[in-house]
PDB file of all heavy atoms in Angstrom:
ATOM      1  N   VAL A   1      67.133 128.348-190.501  1.00  0.00           N
ATOM      2  CA  VAL A   1      68.437 128.960-190.663  1.00  0.00           C
ATOM      3  C   VAL A   1      69.400 128.070-189.838  1.00  0.00           C
ATOM      4  O   VAL A   1      69.228 127.889-188.619  1.00  0.00           O
ATOM      5  CB  VAL A   1      68.445 130.415-190.267  1.00  0.00           C
ATOM      6  CG1 VAL A   1      69.808 130.938-190.354  1.00  0.00           C
ATOM      7  CG2 VAL A   1      67.436 131.153-191.086  1.00  0.00           C
ATOM      8  N   GLN A   2      70.527 127.668-190.503  1.00  0.00           N
ATOM      9  CA  GLN A   2      71.528 126.873-189.811  1.00  0.00           C
ATOM     10  C   GLN A   2      72.881 127.600-189.985  1.00  0.00           C
ATOM     11  O   GLN A   2      73.238 128.029-191.080  1.00  0.00           O
ATOM     12  CB  GLN A   2      71.668 125.562-190.350  1.00  0.00           C
ATOM     13  CG  GLN A   2      70.563 124.559-189.987  1.00  0.00           C
ATOM     14  CD  GLN A   2      70.766 123.212-190.602  1.00  0.00           C
ATOM     15  OE1 GLN A   2      71.140 123.127-191.770  1.00  0.00           O
ATOM     16  NE2 GLN A   2      70.456 122.174-189.801  1.00  0.00           N
ATOM     17  N   CYS A   3      73.643 127.758-188.928  1.00  0.00           N
ATOM     18  CA  CYS A   3      75.013 128.361-188.957  1.00  0.00           C
ATOM     19  C   CYS A   3      75.953 127.273-189.587  1.00  0.00           C
ATOM     20  O   CYS A   3      75.754 126.105-189.432  1.00  0.00           O
ATOM     21  CB  CYS A   3      75.506 128.762-187.606  1.00  0.00           C
ATOM     22  SG  CYS A   3      74.556 130.184-186.955  1.00  0.00           S
ATOM     23  N   LEU A   4      76.947 127.840-190.340  1.00  0.00           N
ATOM     24  CA  LEU A   4      77.977 126.915-190.970  1.00  0.00           C
ATOM     25  C   LEU A   4      79.365 127.105-190.413  1.00  0.00           C
ATOM     26  O   LEU A   4      79.595 128.212-189.895  1.00  0.00           O
ATOM     27  CB  LEU A   4      77.926 127.225-192.479  1.00  0.00           C
ATOM     28  CG  LEU A   4      76.665 126.989-193.233  1.00  0.00           C
ATOM     29  CD1 LEU A   4      76.895 127.538-194.719  1.00  0.00           C
ATOM     30  CD2 LEU A   4      76.338 125.530-193.275  1.00  0.00           C
ATOM     31  N   CYS A   5      80.096 126.076-190.566  1.00  0.00           N
ATOM     32  CA  CYS A   5      81.602 126.211-190.209  1.00  0.00           C
ATOM     33  C   CYS A   5      82.347 125.991-191.501  1.00  0.00           C
ATOM     34  O   CYS A   5      81.901 125.106-192.366  1.00  0.00           O
ATOM     35  CB  CYS A   5      81.972 125.128-189.165  1.00  0.00           C
ATOM     36  SG  CYS A   5      81.248 125.483-187.559  1.00  0.00           S
ATOM     37  N   PRO A   6      83.426 126.756-191.798  1.00  0.00           N
ATOM     38  CA  PRO A   6      84.107 126.765-193.049  1.00  0.00           C
ATOM     39  C   PRO A   6      85.050 125.549-193.261  1.00  0.00           C
ATOM     40  O   PRO A   6      85.721 125.337-194.266  1.00  0.00           O
ATOM     41  CB  PRO A   6      84.911 128.019-192.999  1.00  0.00           C
ATOM     42  CG  PRO A   6      85.140 128.355-191.658  1.00  0.00           C
ATOM     43  CD  PRO A   6      83.966 127.858-190.930  1.00  0.00           C
ATOM     44  N   SER A   7      85.063 124.605-192.317  1.00  0.00           N
ATOM     45  CA  SER A   7      85.958 123.477-192.483  1.00  0.00           C
ATOM     46  C   SER A   7      85.433 122.267-191.720  1.00  0.00           C
ATOM     47  O   SER A   7      84.799 122.298-190.737  1.00  0.00           O
ATOM     48  CB  SER A   7      87.439 123.858-191.894  1.00  0.00           C
ATOM     49  OG  SER A   7      88.106 122.763-191.471  1.00  0.00           O
ATOM     50  N   GLY A   8      85.773 121.031-192.196  1.00  0.00           N
ATOM     51  CA  GLY A   8      85.391 119.780-191.560  1.00  0.00           C
ATOM     52  C   GLY A   8      85.901 119.602-190.216  1.00  0.00           C
ATOM     53  O   GLY A   8      85.456 118.811-189.441  1.00  0.00           O
ATOM     54  N   GLY A   9      87.040 120.319-189.930  1.00  0.00           N
ATOM     55  CA  GLY A   9      87.745 120.189-188.656  1.00  0.00           C
ATOM     56  C   GLY A   9      87.140 121.161-187.666  1.00  0.00           C
ATOM     57  O   GLY A   9      87.772 121.321-186.507  1.00  0.00           O
ATOM     58  N   LEU A  10      86.001 121.780-187.923  1.00  0.00           N
ATOM     59  CA  LEU A  10      85.378 122.718-186.999  1.00  0.00           C
ATOM     60  C   LEU A  10      84.004 122.175-186.801  1.00  0.00           C
ATOM     61  O   LEU A  10      83.340 121.594-187.740  1.00  0.00           O
ATOM     62  CB  LEU A  10      85.316 124.156-187.522  1.00  0.00           C
ATOM     63  CG  LEU A  10      86.614 124.898-187.818  1.00  0.00           C
ATOM     64  CD1 LEU A  10      86.369 126.188-188.504  1.00  0.00           C
ATOM     65  CD2 LEU A  10      87.402 125.105-186.475  1.00  0.00           C
ATOM     66  N   GLN A  11      83.415 122.398-185.684  1.00  0.00           N
ATOM     67  CA  GLN A  11      82.019 122.087-185.441  1.00  0.00           C
ATOM     68  C   GLN A  11      81.312 123.201-184.728  1.00  0.00           C
ATOM     69  O   GLN A  11      81.908 124.020-184.029  1.00  0.00           O
ATOM     70  CB  GLN A  11      81.907 120.762-184.572  1.00  0.00           C
ATOM     71  CG  GLN A  11      82.472 120.852-183.215  1.00  0.00           C
ATOM     72  CD  GLN A  11      82.539 119.522-182.443  1.00  0.00           C
ATOM     73  OE1 GLN A  11      82.348 118.463-183.044  1.00  0.00           O
ATOM     74  NE2 GLN A  11      82.726 119.616-181.174  1.00  0.00           N
ATOM     75  N   LEU A  12      80.044 123.213-184.825  1.00  0.00           N
ATOM     76  CA  LEU A  12      79.219 124.297-184.190  1.00  0.00           C
ATOM     77  C   LEU A  12      79.295 124.101-182.665  1.00  0.00           C
ATOM     78  O   LEU A  12      79.128 122.927-182.204  1.00  0.00           O
ATOM     79  CB  LEU A  12      77.746 124.281-184.692  1.00  0.00           C
ATOM     80  CG  LEU A  12      77.443 125.004-185.986  1.00  0.00           C
ATOM     81  CD1 LEU A  12      75.968 124.739-186.283  1.00  0.00           C
ATOM     82  CD2 LEU A  12      77.761 126.449-185.871  1.00  0.00           C
ATOM     83  N   GLY A  13      79.533 125.191-181.938  1.00  0.00           N
ATOM     84  CA  GLY A  13      79.557 125.119-180.496  1.00  0.00           C
ATOM     85  C   GLY A  13      78.205 124.987-179.939  1.00  0.00           C
ATOM     86  O   GLY A  13      77.168 125.011-180.652  1.00  0.00           O
ATOM     87  N   PRO A  14      78.046 124.934-178.618  1.00  0.00           N
ATOM     88  CA  PRO A  14      76.802 124.705-177.932  1.00  0.00           C
ATOM     89  C   PRO A  14      75.799 125.789-178.257  1.00  0.00           C
ATOM     90  O   PRO A  14      74.583 125.573-178.257  1.00  0.00           O
ATOM     91  CB  PRO A  14      77.179 124.723-176.458  1.00  0.00           C
ATOM     92  CG  PRO A  14      78.573 124.503-176.367  1.00  0.00           C
ATOM     93  CD  PRO A  14      79.198 124.942-177.686  1.00  0.00           C
ATOM     94  N   ASN A  15      76.262 126.995-178.548  1.00  0.00           N
ATOM     95  CA  ASN A  15      75.295 128.142-178.839  1.00  0.00           C
ATOM     96  C   ASN A  15      74.768 128.093-180.303  1.00  0.00           C
ATOM     97  O   ASN A  15      73.887 128.775-180.719  1.00  0.00           O
ATOM     98  CB  ASN A  15      75.975 129.459-178.592  1.00  0.00           C
ATOM     99  CG  ASN A  15      77.216 129.844-179.472  1.00  0.00           C
ATOM    100  OD1 ASN A  15      77.452 129.011-180.504  1.00  0.00           O
ATOM    101  ND2 ASN A  15      77.906 130.807-179.225  1.00  0.00           N
ATOM    102  N   GLY A  16      75.270 127.120-181.114  1.00  0.00           N
ATOM    103  CA  GLY A  16      74.810 127.021-182.525  1.00  0.00           C
ATOM    104  C   GLY A  16      75.210 128.101-183.496  1.00  0.00           C
ATOM    105  O   GLY A  16      74.761 128.183-184.559  1.00  0.00           O
ATOM    106  N   ARG A  17      76.127 129.037-183.005  1.00  0.00           N
ATOM    107  CA  ARG A  17      76.486 130.162-183.790  1.00  0.00           C
ATOM    108  C   ARG A  17      77.960 130.251-184.066  1.00  0.00           C
ATOM    109  O   ARG A  17      78.359 130.682-185.128  1.00  0.00           O
ATOM    110  CB  ARG A  17      76.044 131.519-183.099  1.00  0.00           C
ATOM    111  CG  ARG A  17      74.498 131.636-182.993  1.00  0.00           C
ATOM    112  CD  ARG A  17      74.071 133.054-182.636  1.00  0.00           C
ATOM    113  NE  ARG A  17      74.799 133.669-181.583  1.00  0.00           N
ATOM    114  CZ  ARG A  17      74.415 133.596-180.332  1.00  0.00           C
ATOM    115  NH1 ARG A  17      73.300 132.915-179.996  1.00  0.00           N
ATOM    116  NH2 ARG A  17      75.106 134.131-179.353  1.00  0.00           N
ATOM    117  N   THR A  18      78.729 129.904-183.070  1.00  0.00           N
ATOM    118  CA  THR A  18      80.239 129.990-183.197  1.00  0.00           C
ATOM    119  C   THR A  18      80.814 128.558-183.473  1.00  0.00           C
ATOM    120  O   THR A  18      80.140 127.580-183.140  1.00  0.00           O
ATOM    121  CB  THR A  18      80.904 130.506-181.950  1.00  0.00           C
ATOM    122  OG1 THR A  18      80.462 129.775-180.805  1.00  0.00           O
ATOM    123  CG2 THR A  18      80.543 131.963-181.760  1.00  0.00           C
ATOM    124  N   CYS A  19      81.933 128.556-184.151  1.00  0.00           N
ATOM    125  CA  CYS A  19      82.636 127.285-184.523  1.00  0.00           C
ATOM    126  C   CYS A  19      83.735 126.960-183.594  1.00  0.00           C
ATOM    127  O   CYS A  19      84.501 127.885-183.252  1.00  0.00           O
ATOM    128  CB  CYS A  19      83.051 127.349-185.931  1.00  0.00           C
ATOM    129  SG  CYS A  19      81.802 127.539-187.120  1.00  0.00           S
ATOM    130  N   ILE A  20      83.800 125.776-183.078  1.00  0.00           N
ATOM    131  CA  ILE A  20      84.924 125.381-182.218  1.00  0.00           C
ATOM    132  C   ILE A  20      85.743 124.255-182.920  1.00  0.00           C
ATOM    133  O   ILE A  20      85.182 123.533-183.782  1.00  0.00           O
ATOM    134  CB  ILE A  20      84.436 124.850-180.766  1.00  0.00           C
ATOM    135  CG1 ILE A  20      83.347 123.786-180.949  1.00  0.00           C
ATOM    136  CG2 ILE A  20      83.849 126.062-179.974  1.00  0.00           C
ATOM    137  CD1 ILE A  20      82.944 123.169-179.609  1.00  0.00           C
ATOM    138  N   ASP A  21      86.960 124.235-182.580  1.00  0.00           N
ATOM    139  CA  ASP A  21      87.902 123.283-183.221  1.00  0.00           C
ATOM    140  C   ASP A  21      87.590 121.879-182.720  1.00  0.00           C
ATOM    141  O   ASP A  21      87.336 121.615-181.611  1.00  0.00           O
ATOM    142  CB  ASP A  21      89.336 123.681-182.842  1.00  0.00           C
ATOM    143  CG  ASP A  21      90.411 122.713-183.466  1.00  0.00           C
ATOM    144  OD1 ASP A  21      90.331 122.570-184.674  1.00  0.00           O
ATOM    145  OD2 ASP A  21      91.227 122.219-182.628  1.00  0.00           O
ATOM    146  N   ILE A  22      87.752 120.881-183.665  1.00  0.00           N
ATOM    147  CA  ILE A  22      87.747 119.476-183.359  1.00  0.00           C
ATOM    148  C   ILE A  22      89.238 119.076-183.303  1.00  0.00           C
ATOM    149  O   ILE A  22      89.966 119.257-184.244  1.00  0.00           O
ATOM    150  CB  ILE A  22      87.036 118.671-184.447  1.00  0.00           C
ATOM    151  CG1 ILE A  22      85.565 119.086-184.604  1.00  0.00           C
ATOM    152  CG2 ILE A  22      87.233 117.172-184.231  1.00  0.00           C
ATOM    153  CD1 ILE A  22      84.921 118.569-185.818  1.00  0.00           C
ATOM    154  N   ASP A  23      89.581 118.530-182.110  1.00  0.00           N
ATOM    155  CA  ASP A  23      91.073 118.049-182.002  1.00  0.00           C
ATOM    156  C   ASP A  23      91.132 116.653-182.587  1.00  0.00           C
ATOM    157  O   ASP A  23      90.843 115.644-181.953  1.00  0.00           O
ATOM    158  CB  ASP A  23      91.464 118.038-180.554  1.00  0.00           C
ATOM    159  CG  ASP A  23      92.964 117.735-180.360  1.00  0.00           C
ATOM    160  OD1 ASP A  23      93.556 117.178-181.335  1.00  0.00           O
ATOM    161  OD2 ASP A  23      93.530 118.076-179.324  1.00  0.00           O
ATOM    162  N   GLU A  24      91.485 116.617-183.955  1.00  0.00           N
ATOM    163  CA  GLU A  24      91.579 115.315-184.571  1.00  0.00           C
ATOM    164  C   GLU A  24      92.557 114.385-183.933  1.00  0.00           C
ATOM    165  O   GLU A  24      92.450 113.121-184.014  1.00  0.00           O
ATOM    166  CB  GLU A  24      91.928 115.436-186.079  1.00  0.00           C
ATOM    167  CG  GLU A  24      90.859 116.124-186.913  1.00  0.00           C
ATOM    168  CD  GLU A  24      90.938 117.643-186.981  1.00  0.00           C
ATOM    169  OE1 GLU A  24      91.755 118.187-186.149  1.00  0.00           O
ATOM    170  OE2 GLU A  24      90.334 118.242-187.741  1.00  0.00           O
ATOM    171  N   CYS A  25      93.580 114.877-183.295  1.00  0.00           N
ATOM    172  CA  CYS A  25      94.648 114.082-182.661  1.00  0.00           C
ATOM    173  C   CYS A  25      94.123 113.388-181.431  1.00  0.00           C
ATOM    174  O   CYS A  25      94.537 112.202-181.306  1.00  0.00           O
ATOM    175  CB  CYS A  25      95.832 114.989-182.309  1.00  0.00           C
ATOM    176  SG  CYS A  25      96.544 115.999-183.680  1.00  0.00           S
ATOM    177  N   SER A  26      93.385 114.006-180.681  1.00  0.00           N
ATOM    178  CA  SER A  26      92.826 113.298-179.455  1.00  0.00           C
ATOM    179  C   SER A  26      91.581 112.440-179.736  1.00  0.00           C
ATOM    180  O   SER A  26      91.280 111.505-179.043  1.00  0.00           O
ATOM    181  CB  SER A  26      92.597 114.281-178.398  1.00  0.00           C
ATOM    182  OG  SER A  26      91.586 115.169-178.729  1.00  0.00           O
ATOM    183  N   THR A  27      90.815 112.822-180.841  1.00  0.00           N
ATOM    184  CA  THR A  27      89.602 112.043-181.116  1.00  0.00           C
ATOM    185  C   THR A  27      89.922 110.773-181.935  1.00  0.00           C
ATOM    186  O   THR A  27      89.044 109.978-182.188  1.00  0.00           O
ATOM    187  CB  THR A  27      88.532 112.880-181.887  1.00  0.00           C
ATOM    188  OG1 THR A  27      89.194 113.393-183.028  1.00  0.00           O
ATOM    189  CG2 THR A  27      88.106 114.051-181.002  1.00  0.00           C
ATOM    190  N   GLY A  28      91.181 110.680-182.482  1.00  0.00           N
ATOM    191  CA  GLY A  28      91.535 109.546-183.258  1.00  0.00           C
ATOM    192  C   GLY A  28      91.057 109.613-184.685  1.00  0.00           C
ATOM    193  O   GLY A  28      91.148 108.667-185.397  1.00  0.00           O
ATOM    194  N   LYS A  29      90.648 110.814-185.136  1.00  0.00           N
ATOM    195  CA  LYS A  29      90.091 110.970-186.471  1.00  0.00           C
ATOM    196  C   LYS A  29      91.319 111.129-187.428  1.00  0.00           C
ATOM    197  O   LYS A  29      91.234 111.021-188.586  1.00  0.00           O
ATOM    198  CB  LYS A  29      89.210 112.215-186.627  1.00  0.00           C
ATOM    199  CG  LYS A  29      87.794 111.936-186.175  1.00  0.00           C
ATOM    200  CD  LYS A  29      86.831 113.062-186.442  1.00  0.00           C
ATOM    201  CE  LYS A  29      85.465 112.739-186.152  1.00  0.00           C
ATOM    202  NZ  LYS A  29      84.604 113.853-185.927  1.00  0.00           N
ATOM    203  N   ALA A  30      92.439 111.565-186.872  1.00  0.00           N
ATOM    204  CA  ALA A  30      93.683 111.823-187.732  1.00  0.00           C
ATOM    205  C   ALA A  30      94.312 110.566-188.246  1.00  0.00           C
ATOM    206  O   ALA A  30      94.283 109.532-187.527  1.00  0.00           O
ATOM    207  CB  ALA A  30      94.639 112.614-186.864  1.00  0.00           C
ATOM    208  N   LEU A  31      94.755 110.602-189.437  1.00  0.00           N
ATOM    209  CA  LEU A  31      95.443 109.452-190.004  1.00  0.00           C
ATOM    210  C   LEU A  31      96.890 109.790-190.258  1.00  0.00           C
ATOM    211  O   LEU A  31      97.250 110.529-191.136  1.00  0.00           O
ATOM    212  CB  LEU A  31      94.852 109.077-191.336  1.00  0.00           C
ATOM    213  CG  LEU A  31      93.361 108.587-191.287  1.00  0.00           C
ATOM    214  CD1 LEU A  31      92.716 108.518-192.662  1.00  0.00           C
ATOM    215  CD2 LEU A  31      93.274 107.224-190.587  1.00  0.00           C
ATOM    216  N   CYS A  32      97.748 109.396-189.260  1.00  0.00           N
ATOM    217  CA  CYS A  32      99.220 109.647-189.426  1.00  0.00           C
ATOM    218  C   CYS A  32      99.912 108.245-189.360  1.00  0.00           C
ATOM    219  O   CYS A  32      99.452 107.342-188.649  1.00  0.00           O
ATOM    220  CB  CYS A  32      99.719 110.462-188.289  1.00  0.00           C
ATOM    221  SG  CYS A  32      99.192 112.165-188.305  1.00  0.00           S
ATOM    222  N   SER A  33     100.959 108.041-190.206  1.00  0.00           N
ATOM    223  CA  SER A  33     101.681 106.810-190.214  1.00  0.00           C
ATOM    224  C   SER A  33     102.372 106.608-188.955  1.00  0.00           C
ATOM    225  O   SER A  33     102.677 107.603-188.196  1.00  0.00           O
ATOM    226  CB  SER A  33     102.627 106.681-191.430  1.00  0.00           C
ATOM    227  OG  SER A  33     103.451 107.823-191.431  1.00  0.00           O
TER     228      SER A  33
END
């Protein structure tokens, strides 16, 4: 059994049950002109 997050911008937290936000702005994943 694996917990899911409803968006690609969320990731499973350390407990494997709750979803935490990925800050695309600070990780460089965001594409802005």
